[in-house]
Amino acid sequence: MSRAPALLLNFLLLAILCNAFSPENPTDRKVLVLLDDFAIKSSHSLYFQSLQTRGFDLDFKLADDPKIALQRYGQYLYDALILFSPSVDSLGGSLNAASILDFVDSGHDLILAADASASDLIRDIATECGVDFDEDQTAMVIDHTNFAVSDTEGDHTLIAGDNFIQSDVILGKEKIKAPVLFKGIGHSVNPANSLVLKILSASPSAYSANPKSKLSTPPTLTGSAISLVSVVQARNNARILISGSLSMFSNRFFRSGVQKAGSTINHEKSGNEQFVTEISKWVFHERGHLKAVNVRHHKVGEADEPSIYRINDELEYSFEIYEWSGTSWEPYVADDVQVQFYMMSPYILKTLSTDKKGVYYTSFKVPDVYGVFQFKVEYEKLGVTSLSLAKQIPVRPFRHNEYERFITAAFPYYGASFSMMGGFFLFSLVYLYHK
């Protein structure tokens, strides 16, 4: 092989690595978009344009394209994956459910949108991510109370949803005023799974069933237990969005007006565009992504970090937390960051103070126990990446020459000893010289 092709290959790999997700630039940039049909690229163009406007490089491919690959030479080619192919039975190339889950396990992000045509493959991927679509593959979410008023929708499957999660980190600080149009399938979330969050829930009057047939048995999914849109933040801080409606991302729903049944307010534009845009910012780490830097500890009055502490030393501990805004790192402000001084169990638990410029700090006395301790920070909060910091430090007892010569608490014993000696001396004088 000539050297020119090899050099060209090296340059290509270098370019891929430079554009990849990194801790200093955590926003996903290279995104693979898998479609059932290229017509979705046109029907959902407003959503894709919003991503491209924010600097994302979208690579559109058919889901069954035999040339699809997520990685090459051990390196992932993409930072995130968008699955807008609900009906695909098998993915092309080397892709399958296991490779997509490995992609997420390696810290990459995923957006999955399904609809009534969702295949077993899409359902299996969603199940592995912590949500379960209705087992009845003919079922859709129906709501006879909170449906969107429409001239063409007579089965009440076009829902006007406004039961949002209350989180500024995930949905942004600006309130979504108009309901979100949703037409698709519902899923359930295990309440014991703290990694999965319901972002848009159905109303108490909703249920999941086949809209074209009469109910012969009670539906398995009912009320607010039905999640329309959910997100997952994995323990490795990868983020996943799962929606039961592909139409929710479409231009038609973006531009449609919406009036909720029973309401006199007719919104000129639905809340879909704002809702989907804000969720995408969170999924792609443009918001709620934290990093901790400059972890420091030292004795009070000193600046250098020691290699060992002595029991009862006064020490200071500090570090800095910043949040990624999509373009730069900004100071993160919170009042619930804690540090543990830990050996087998926490001996000291302190809530850190902050200067509101990113610096968190505290001071405390080393416990009167010697051994190998850890400064331990485990910060987990709804919507933000978890932080885990640990720094090990040994603690020694006093040396023999470091104890005080006279201990205040021992003065009674000192007095008893000297009084005993004085008494013995007086007794000796009296015994020897008294006649």
Protein backbone atom coordinates (compact mmCIF):
# COMPACT_ATOMS: atom_id res chain seq x y z
CA MET A 1 0.00 0.00 0.00
CA SER A 2 1.30 3.47 -0.83
CA ARG A 3 1.84 6.01 1.94
CA ALA A 4 -0.60 8.58 0.50
CA PRO A 5 -3.83 6.61 1.24
CA ALA A 6 -2.52 5.77 4.73
CA LEU A 7 -1.82 9.44 5.48
CA LEU A 8 -5.25 10.40 4.16
CA LEU A 9 -6.87 7.80 6.44
CA ASN A 10 -4.97 9.16 9.45
CA PHE A 11 -6.14 12.70 8.69
CA LEU A 12 -9.75 11.52 8.41
CA LEU A 13 -9.56 9.72 11.75
CA LEU A 14 -8.00 12.79 13.36
CA ALA A 15 -10.84 14.97 12.06
CA ILE A 16 -13.41 12.55 13.46
CA LEU A 17 -11.76 12.53 16.88
CA CYS A 18 -11.49 16.33 16.98
CA ASN A 19 -15.22 16.72 16.32
CA ALA A 20 -16.26 14.07 18.85
CA PHE A 21 -17.87 14.56 22.22
CA SER A 22 -15.34 15.73 24.82
CA PRO A 23 -15.55 16.86 28.46
CA GLU A 24 -14.44 20.36 27.48
CA ASN A 25 -16.99 20.61 24.67
CA PRO A 26 -19.79 18.25 25.75
CA THR A 27 -22.39 19.19 23.16
CA ASP A 28 -22.98 16.37 20.67
CA ARG A 29 -22.02 17.55 17.18
CA LYS A 30 -22.06 14.56 14.85
CA VAL A 31 -25.52 12.98 14.83
CA LEU A 32 -26.72 9.96 12.84
CA VAL A 33 -30.39 10.18 11.83
CA LEU A 34 -32.03 6.90 10.76
CA LEU A 35 -35.28 7.20 8.81
CA ASP A 36 -37.96 4.83 7.56
CA ASP A 37 -38.28 6.96 4.45
CA PHE A 38 -36.47 10.06 3.18
CA ALA A 39 -39.89 11.74 3.07
CA ILE A 40 -39.52 12.17 6.85
CA LYS A 41 -36.56 14.45 6.18
CA SER A 42 -38.98 16.85 4.46
CA SER A 43 -42.00 16.36 6.71
CA HIS A 44 -39.87 16.97 9.83
CA SER A 45 -37.52 19.55 8.30
CA LEU A 46 -38.23 22.27 10.88
CA TYR A 47 -36.94 20.08 13.68
CA PHE A 48 -33.84 19.08 11.74
CA GLN A 49 -33.18 22.71 10.78
CA SER A 50 -33.34 23.77 14.42
CA LEU A 51 -30.61 21.25 15.21
CA GLN A 52 -28.46 22.32 12.29
CA THR A 53 -28.87 25.97 13.25
CA ARG A 54 -27.41 25.15 16.67
CA GLY A 55 -24.35 23.64 15.00
CA PHE A 56 -25.19 19.93 14.73
CA ASP A 57 -23.93 17.93 11.78
CA LEU A 58 -26.75 15.56 10.81
CA ASP A 59 -26.04 12.48 8.71
CA PHE A 60 -29.32 11.14 7.22
CA LYS A 61 -29.55 7.47 6.28
CA LEU A 62 -32.28 4.91 5.71
CA ALA A 63 -32.54 2.56 8.65
CA ASP A 64 -32.00 -0.50 6.46
CA ASP A 65 -29.00 0.94 4.59
CA PRO A 66 -26.42 -1.91 4.42
CA LYS A 67 -23.52 0.57 4.77
CA ILE A 68 -24.56 1.92 8.19
CA ALA A 69 -21.89 1.73 10.90
CA LEU A 70 -21.67 3.43 14.26
CA GLN A 71 -17.97 2.82 14.74
CA ARG A 72 -14.85 2.17 12.75
CA TYR A 73 -11.40 1.07 13.92
CA GLY A 74 -12.68 1.03 17.50
CA GLN A 75 -13.80 4.69 17.39
CA TYR A 76 -17.41 5.84 17.28
CA LEU A 77 -18.19 7.93 14.21
CA TYR A 78 -21.13 9.73 15.83
CA ASP A 79 -21.86 11.45 19.12
CA ALA A 80 -25.62 10.79 19.13
CA LEU A 81 -28.30 8.79 17.35
CA ILE A 82 -31.83 9.78 16.29
CA LEU A 83 -34.14 6.86 15.47
CA PHE A 84 -37.06 8.16 13.39
CA SER A 85 -37.75 4.72 11.94
CA PRO A 86 -40.54 3.19 14.04
CA SER A 87 -41.59 0.50 11.57
CA VAL A 88 -38.16 -0.92 10.73
CA ASP A 89 -37.89 -4.64 11.54
CA SER A 90 -34.12 -4.89 11.22
CA LEU A 91 -31.39 -2.29 10.91
CA GLY A 92 -28.87 -2.27 8.11
CA GLY A 93 -25.14 -2.84 8.23
CA SER A 94 -23.72 -3.87 11.59
CA LEU A 95 -26.54 -2.22 13.54
CA ASN A 96 -28.89 -4.10 15.83
CA ALA A 97 -30.48 -3.55 19.22
CA ALA A 98 -27.33 -4.69 21.03
CA SER A 99 -25.04 -2.28 19.14
CA ILE A 100 -27.38 0.65 19.86
CA LEU A 101 -27.43 -0.20 23.56
CA ASP A 102 -23.62 -0.48 23.53
CA PHE A 103 -23.58 2.97 21.91
CA VAL A 104 -25.57 4.34 24.86
CA ASP A 105 -23.51 2.39 27.40
CA SER A 106 -20.40 4.09 26.02
CA GLY A 107 -21.86 7.48 27.00
CA HIS A 108 -23.62 8.56 23.78
CA ASP A 109 -27.14 9.91 23.49
CA LEU A 110 -30.29 8.59 21.81
CA ILE A 111 -33.63 9.98 20.62
CA LEU A 112 -36.23 7.33 19.76
CA ALA A 113 -39.65 8.17 18.31
CA ALA A 114 -42.31 5.52 17.76
CA ASP A 115 -45.90 5.45 16.56
CA ALA A 116 -48.70 2.94 16.03
CA SER A 117 -46.53 1.05 13.52
CA ALA A 118 -43.71 0.48 16.03
CA SER A 119 -41.88 -2.78 15.31
CA ASP A 120 -40.68 -5.34 17.83
CA LEU A 121 -37.12 -4.03 17.36
CA ILE A 122 -38.08 -0.50 18.43
CA ARG A 123 -40.14 -1.84 21.35
CA ASP A 124 -37.22 -4.02 22.50
CA ILE A 125 -34.81 -1.07 22.45
CA ALA A 126 -37.27 1.02 24.47
CA THR A 127 -37.73 -1.82 26.98
CA GLU A 128 -33.98 -2.08 27.49
CA CYS A 129 -33.92 1.68 28.13
CA GLY A 130 -36.47 1.35 30.93
CA VAL A 131 -39.90 1.96 29.36
CA ASP A 132 -42.54 -0.48 28.11
CA PHE A 133 -44.86 0.35 25.23
CA ASP A 134 -48.38 -1.12 25.36
CA GLU A 135 -48.20 -4.80 24.44
CA ASP A 136 -51.29 -4.39 22.26
CA GLN A 137 -49.73 -3.32 18.96
CA THR A 138 -53.04 -1.90 17.73
CA ALA A 139 -53.44 0.36 20.77
CA MET A 140 -53.14 4.15 20.75
CA VAL A 141 -53.59 6.73 23.48
CA ILE A 142 -57.21 7.92 23.59
CA ASP A 143 -58.57 10.76 25.68
CA HIS A 144 -62.24 11.80 25.44
CA THR A 145 -61.72 14.76 27.76
CA ASN A 146 -58.36 16.33 26.85
CA PHE A 147 -58.33 15.85 23.10
CA ALA A 148 -57.46 18.58 20.59
CA VAL A 149 -60.49 20.09 18.84
CA SER A 150 -60.22 19.21 15.15
CA ASP A 151 -62.50 18.87 12.15
CA THR A 152 -60.86 15.64 11.02
CA GLU A 153 -60.11 13.81 14.26
CA GLY A 154 -63.19 11.95 15.46
CA ASP A 155 -61.63 9.17 17.58
CA HIS A 156 -59.98 11.51 20.10
CA THR A 157 -56.48 10.14 19.49
CA LEU A 158 -55.13 13.62 18.77
CA ILE A 159 -54.33 14.69 22.30
CA ALA A 160 -53.58 18.17 23.62
CA GLY A 161 -51.09 17.36 26.39
CA ASP A 162 -50.01 19.88 29.00
CA ASN A 163 -49.07 17.71 31.97
CA PHE A 164 -45.37 18.59 31.89
CA ILE A 165 -42.65 17.78 34.38
CA GLN A 166 -41.79 20.76 36.57
CA SER A 167 -38.10 21.14 35.79
CA ASP A 168 -36.39 24.24 34.41
CA VAL A 169 -33.27 22.19 33.68
CA ILE A 170 -35.07 19.84 31.29
CA LEU A 171 -37.76 22.09 29.77
CA GLY A 172 -36.10 25.50 30.10
CA LYS A 173 -37.05 28.48 32.21
CA GLU A 174 -39.66 29.80 29.76
CA LYS A 175 -43.02 28.22 30.44
CA ILE A 176 -44.68 26.26 27.62
CA LYS A 177 -48.05 28.00 27.33
CA ALA A 178 -49.71 26.07 24.50
CA PRO A 179 -50.56 22.35 24.77
CA VAL A 180 -48.47 19.83 22.85
CA LEU A 181 -50.16 17.87 20.07
CA PHE A 182 -49.59 14.14 20.47
CA LYS A 183 -50.84 11.25 18.36
CA GLY A 184 -49.30 7.88 18.99
CA ILE A 185 -48.77 5.14 21.53
CA GLY A 186 -48.27 5.29 25.27
CA HIS A 187 -45.78 3.58 27.51
CA SER A 188 -45.38 2.81 31.19
CA VAL A 189 -42.48 3.60 33.49
CA ASN A 190 -41.41 1.53 36.46
CA PRO A 191 -41.83 3.87 39.46
CA ALA A 192 -38.90 2.16 41.17
CA ASN A 193 -36.58 3.18 38.35
CA SER A 194 -35.15 6.57 39.35
CA LEU A 195 -33.28 6.91 36.05
CA VAL A 196 -36.48 7.29 33.97
CA LEU A 197 -38.55 10.48 34.16
CA LYS A 198 -41.98 11.15 32.66
CA ILE A 199 -41.70 14.47 30.80
CA LEU A 200 -45.19 14.57 29.31
CA SER A 201 -47.86 12.45 31.01
CA ALA A 202 -51.38 11.65 29.89
CA SER A 203 -54.36 13.05 31.79
CA PRO A 204 -56.33 10.94 34.32
CA SER A 205 -59.06 10.39 31.70
CA ALA A 206 -56.75 8.85 29.09
CA TYR A 207 -56.40 5.16 28.27
CA SER A 208 -54.57 2.99 25.75
CA ALA A 209 -56.70 0.88 23.40
CA ASN A 210 -57.52 0.17 19.77
CA PRO A 211 -59.57 3.20 18.61
CA LYS A 212 -61.22 1.15 15.84
CA SER A 213 -62.83 -1.48 18.07
CA LYS A 214 -64.99 -1.57 21.16
CA LEU A 215 -63.41 -2.39 24.50
CA SER A 216 -64.05 -5.99 25.51
CA THR A 217 -61.68 -5.94 28.50
CA PRO A 218 -60.37 -3.08 30.66
CA PRO A 219 -57.25 -1.44 29.17
CA THR A 220 -53.94 -2.22 30.86
CA LEU A 221 -52.66 1.36 30.62
CA THR A 222 -54.88 4.09 32.01
CA GLY A 223 -54.75 7.62 33.37
CA SER A 224 -51.62 9.50 34.36
CA ALA A 225 -49.72 6.20 34.55
CA ILE A 226 -49.42 6.56 30.77
CA SER A 227 -46.29 8.42 29.76
CA LEU A 228 -46.34 10.09 26.35
CA VAL A 229 -42.72 11.27 26.42
CA SER A 230 -40.00 10.09 28.81
CA VAL A 231 -36.30 10.69 29.27
CA VAL A 232 -33.58 8.57 30.78
CA GLN A 233 -30.35 9.78 32.31
CA ALA A 234 -28.07 6.77 32.63
CA ARG A 235 -25.53 6.33 35.39
CA ASN A 236 -22.79 7.14 32.88
CA ASN A 237 -24.64 10.45 32.15
CA ALA A 238 -25.80 9.33 28.68
CA ARG A 239 -29.24 10.77 27.90
CA ILE A 240 -32.18 9.15 26.12
CA LEU A 241 -35.48 10.57 24.87
CA ILE A 242 -38.35 8.18 24.13
CA SER A 243 -41.53 9.45 22.49
CA GLY A 244 -44.59 7.48 21.50
CA SER A 245 -45.31 9.89 18.65
CA LEU A 246 -43.19 10.58 15.58
CA SER A 247 -45.77 13.12 14.40
CA MET A 248 -45.01 15.24 17.46
CA PHE A 249 -41.76 16.29 15.69
CA SER A 250 -43.44 17.02 12.34
CA ASN A 251 -43.83 20.35 10.57
CA ARG A 252 -47.61 19.91 10.57
CA PHE A 253 -47.79 19.69 14.35
CA PHE A 254 -45.22 22.50 14.74
CA ARG A 255 -47.35 24.89 12.71
CA SER A 256 -50.80 23.74 13.79
CA GLY A 257 -52.99 25.75 16.07
CA VAL A 258 -54.44 23.96 19.07
CA GLN A 259 -57.56 24.24 21.17
CA LYS A 260 -58.04 21.87 24.05
CA ALA A 261 -61.49 20.37 24.47
CA GLY A 262 -63.47 22.27 27.07
CA SER A 263 -61.26 25.35 26.78
CA THR A 264 -62.16 28.62 25.11
CA ILE A 265 -58.51 29.48 24.38
CA ASN A 266 -57.47 28.82 20.80
CA HIS A 267 -53.67 28.92 20.50
CA GLU A 268 -52.42 29.98 17.08
CA LYS A 269 -49.44 27.67 17.41
CA SER A 270 -49.00 24.47 19.38
CA GLY A 271 -46.30 24.05 21.99
CA ASN A 272 -44.61 21.26 20.01
CA GLU A 273 -41.72 23.28 18.62
CA GLN A 274 -40.79 24.80 21.97
CA PHE A 275 -41.27 21.52 23.80
CA VAL A 276 -39.20 19.43 21.38
CA THR A 277 -36.46 22.07 21.08
CA GLU A 278 -36.03 22.38 24.85
CA ILE A 279 -35.94 18.62 25.35
CA SER A 280 -33.37 18.27 22.56
CA LYS A 281 -31.15 20.85 24.26
CA TRP A 282 -31.19 18.74 27.39
CA VAL A 283 -30.65 15.42 25.60
CA PHE A 284 -27.70 16.79 23.65
CA HIS A 285 -26.06 18.25 26.79
CA GLU A 286 -26.66 21.88 25.91
CA ARG A 287 -28.16 22.27 29.36
CA GLY A 288 -27.75 20.51 32.68
CA HIS A 289 -24.23 19.24 32.01
CA LEU A 290 -21.85 19.80 34.95
CA LYS A 291 -18.14 19.45 35.53
CA ALA A 292 -16.11 19.76 38.73
CA VAL A 293 -12.55 21.10 38.67
CA ASN A 294 -9.80 22.37 40.99
CA VAL A 295 -10.44 20.08 43.94
CA ARG A 296 -8.30 21.40 46.81
CA HIS A 297 -7.80 20.77 50.53
CA HIS A 298 -5.29 22.10 53.05
CA LYS A 299 -4.86 23.06 56.68
CA VAL A 300 -6.41 26.33 57.81
CA GLY A 301 -3.88 29.11 57.33
CA GLU A 302 -1.80 27.15 54.82
CA ALA A 303 -1.95 26.91 51.03
CA ASP A 304 -0.14 23.67 50.19
CA GLU A 305 -1.95 20.35 50.10
CA PRO A 306 -0.47 17.98 52.70
CA SER A 307 0.14 14.29 52.17
CA ILE A 308 -1.28 13.43 55.59
CA TYR A 309 -3.42 15.03 58.29
CA ARG A 310 -3.24 14.70 62.05
CA ILE A 311 -6.29 14.09 64.22
CA ASN A 312 -8.06 17.31 65.28
CA ASP A 313 -6.42 19.38 62.51
CA GLU A 314 -8.55 22.21 61.15
CA LEU A 315 -8.79 21.91 57.36
CA GLU A 316 -10.42 23.63 54.39
CA TYR A 317 -11.91 21.82 51.36
CA SER A 318 -13.08 23.39 48.09
CA PHE A 319 -13.73 22.78 44.40
CA GLU A 320 -15.47 24.47 41.48
CA ILE A 321 -18.61 23.43 39.55
CA TYR A 322 -19.51 24.78 36.12
CA GLU A 323 -22.51 24.14 33.84
CA TRP A 324 -22.32 23.96 30.05
CA SER A 325 -24.65 26.51 28.43
CA GLY A 326 -24.30 25.15 24.91
CA THR A 327 -21.50 27.57 24.03
CA SER A 328 -19.48 28.13 27.23
CA TRP A 329 -19.02 27.06 30.83
CA GLU A 330 -21.00 29.13 33.36
CA PRO A 331 -20.82 29.01 37.19
CA TYR A 332 -23.29 26.55 38.67
CA VAL A 333 -25.17 27.84 41.70
CA ALA A 334 -26.87 25.48 44.19
CA ASP A 335 -27.30 25.17 47.94
CA ASP A 336 -27.41 21.38 48.24
CA VAL A 337 -23.85 20.28 47.42
CA GLN A 338 -22.37 18.18 50.25
CA VAL A 339 -19.04 16.56 51.08
CA GLN A 340 -18.40 13.53 53.26
CA PHE A 341 -15.21 12.82 55.21
CA TYR A 342 -15.54 9.10 54.84
CA MET A 343 -13.94 5.95 56.27
CA MET A 344 -16.21 2.90 56.05
CA SER A 345 -19.00 5.35 56.91
CA PRO A 346 -19.20 9.16 56.86
CA TYR A 347 -17.65 10.67 60.01
CA ILE A 348 -18.43 14.20 58.83
CA LEU A 349 -21.14 15.43 56.43
CA LYS A 350 -21.02 19.11 55.51
CA THR A 351 -23.12 21.23 53.16
CA LEU A 352 -20.78 23.40 51.11
CA SER A 353 -21.07 27.16 50.93
CA THR A 354 -20.70 28.92 47.56
CA ASP A 355 -19.56 32.32 46.36
CA LYS A 356 -22.06 32.02 43.48
CA LYS A 357 -19.16 32.17 41.04
CA GLY A 358 -18.72 28.42 40.84
CA VAL A 359 -16.57 27.90 43.96
CA TYR A 360 -17.85 25.61 46.74
CA TYR A 361 -16.01 25.47 50.07
CA THR A 362 -16.20 24.43 53.71
CA SER A 363 -13.97 23.86 56.74
CA PHE A 364 -14.08 21.34 59.58
CA LYS A 365 -11.99 19.60 62.20
CA VAL A 366 -10.50 16.19 61.42
CA PRO A 367 -12.21 13.61 63.69
CA ASP A 368 -10.30 12.08 66.58
CA VAL A 369 -9.96 8.82 64.65
CA TYR A 370 -6.95 7.83 62.61
CA GLY A 371 -6.95 5.75 59.41
CA VAL A 372 -7.37 6.27 55.66
CA PHE A 373 -10.19 8.72 54.90
CA GLN A 374 -11.76 10.03 51.70
CA PHE A 375 -13.16 13.39 50.73
CA LYS A 376 -16.28 12.14 48.96
CA VAL A 377 -18.81 14.13 46.89
CA GLU A 378 -21.81 12.33 45.35
CA TYR A 379 -24.05 14.94 43.74
CA GLU A 380 -27.25 13.76 42.04
CA LYS A 381 -30.07 16.12 41.13
CA LEU A 382 -33.03 15.96 38.77
CA GLY A 383 -31.98 16.84 35.24
CA VAL A 384 -28.28 17.51 35.78
CA THR A 385 -25.35 15.19 35.25
CA SER A 386 -24.21 13.45 38.41
CA LEU A 387 -20.87 14.32 39.95
CA SER A 388 -18.71 11.81 41.78
CA LEU A 389 -15.51 13.04 43.40
CA ALA A 390 -13.23 11.09 45.72
CA LYS A 391 -9.83 11.96 47.11
CA GLN A 392 -7.99 9.76 49.59
CA ILE A 393 -5.97 11.09 52.54
CA PRO A 394 -4.51 9.32 55.61
CA VAL A 395 -5.03 10.64 59.13
CA ARG A 396 -2.42 9.89 61.84
CA PRO A 397 -2.54 10.15 65.64
CA PHE A 398 -0.34 12.46 67.71
CA ARG A 399 3.31 11.51 67.96
CA HIS A 400 4.75 10.91 71.43
CA ASN A 401 6.33 14.37 71.47
CA GLU A 402 3.21 16.20 70.23
CA TYR A 403 1.07 15.73 73.32
CA GLU A 404 0.78 18.64 75.78
CA ARG A 405 3.08 18.37 78.79
CA PHE A 406 0.32 19.35 81.18
CA ILE A 407 -3.23 18.50 80.29
CA THR A 408 -5.90 20.68 81.88
CA ALA A 409 -8.26 17.77 82.37
CA ALA A 410 -5.58 15.95 84.40
CA PHE A 411 -5.04 18.73 86.99
CA PRO A 412 -7.05 16.85 89.67
CA TYR A 413 -4.72 13.87 89.25
CA TYR A 414 -1.68 16.10 89.38
CA GLY A 415 -3.04 17.61 92.61
CA ALA A 416 -3.71 14.17 94.08
CA SER A 417 -0.15 13.04 93.32
CA PHE A 418 1.54 16.10 94.85
CA SER A 419 -0.77 16.07 97.90
CA MET A 420 0.10 12.40 98.43
CA MET A 421 3.83 13.20 98.29
CA GLY A 422 3.40 16.16 100.67
CA GLY A 423 1.35 14.09 103.08
CA PHE A 424 3.93 11.30 103.09
CA PHE A 425 6.71 13.85 103.77
CA LEU A 426 4.80 15.36 106.72
CA PHE A 427 3.97 11.92 108.09
CA SER A 428 7.67 10.98 107.93
CA LEU A 429 8.72 14.12 109.86
CA VAL A 430 6.10 13.55 112.53
CA TYR A 431 6.94 9.86 112.87
CA LEU A 432 10.70 10.39 113.11
CA TYR A 433 10.89 13.43 115.39
CA HIS A 434 7.77 13.29 117.51
CA LYS A 435 8.32 11.89 121.08
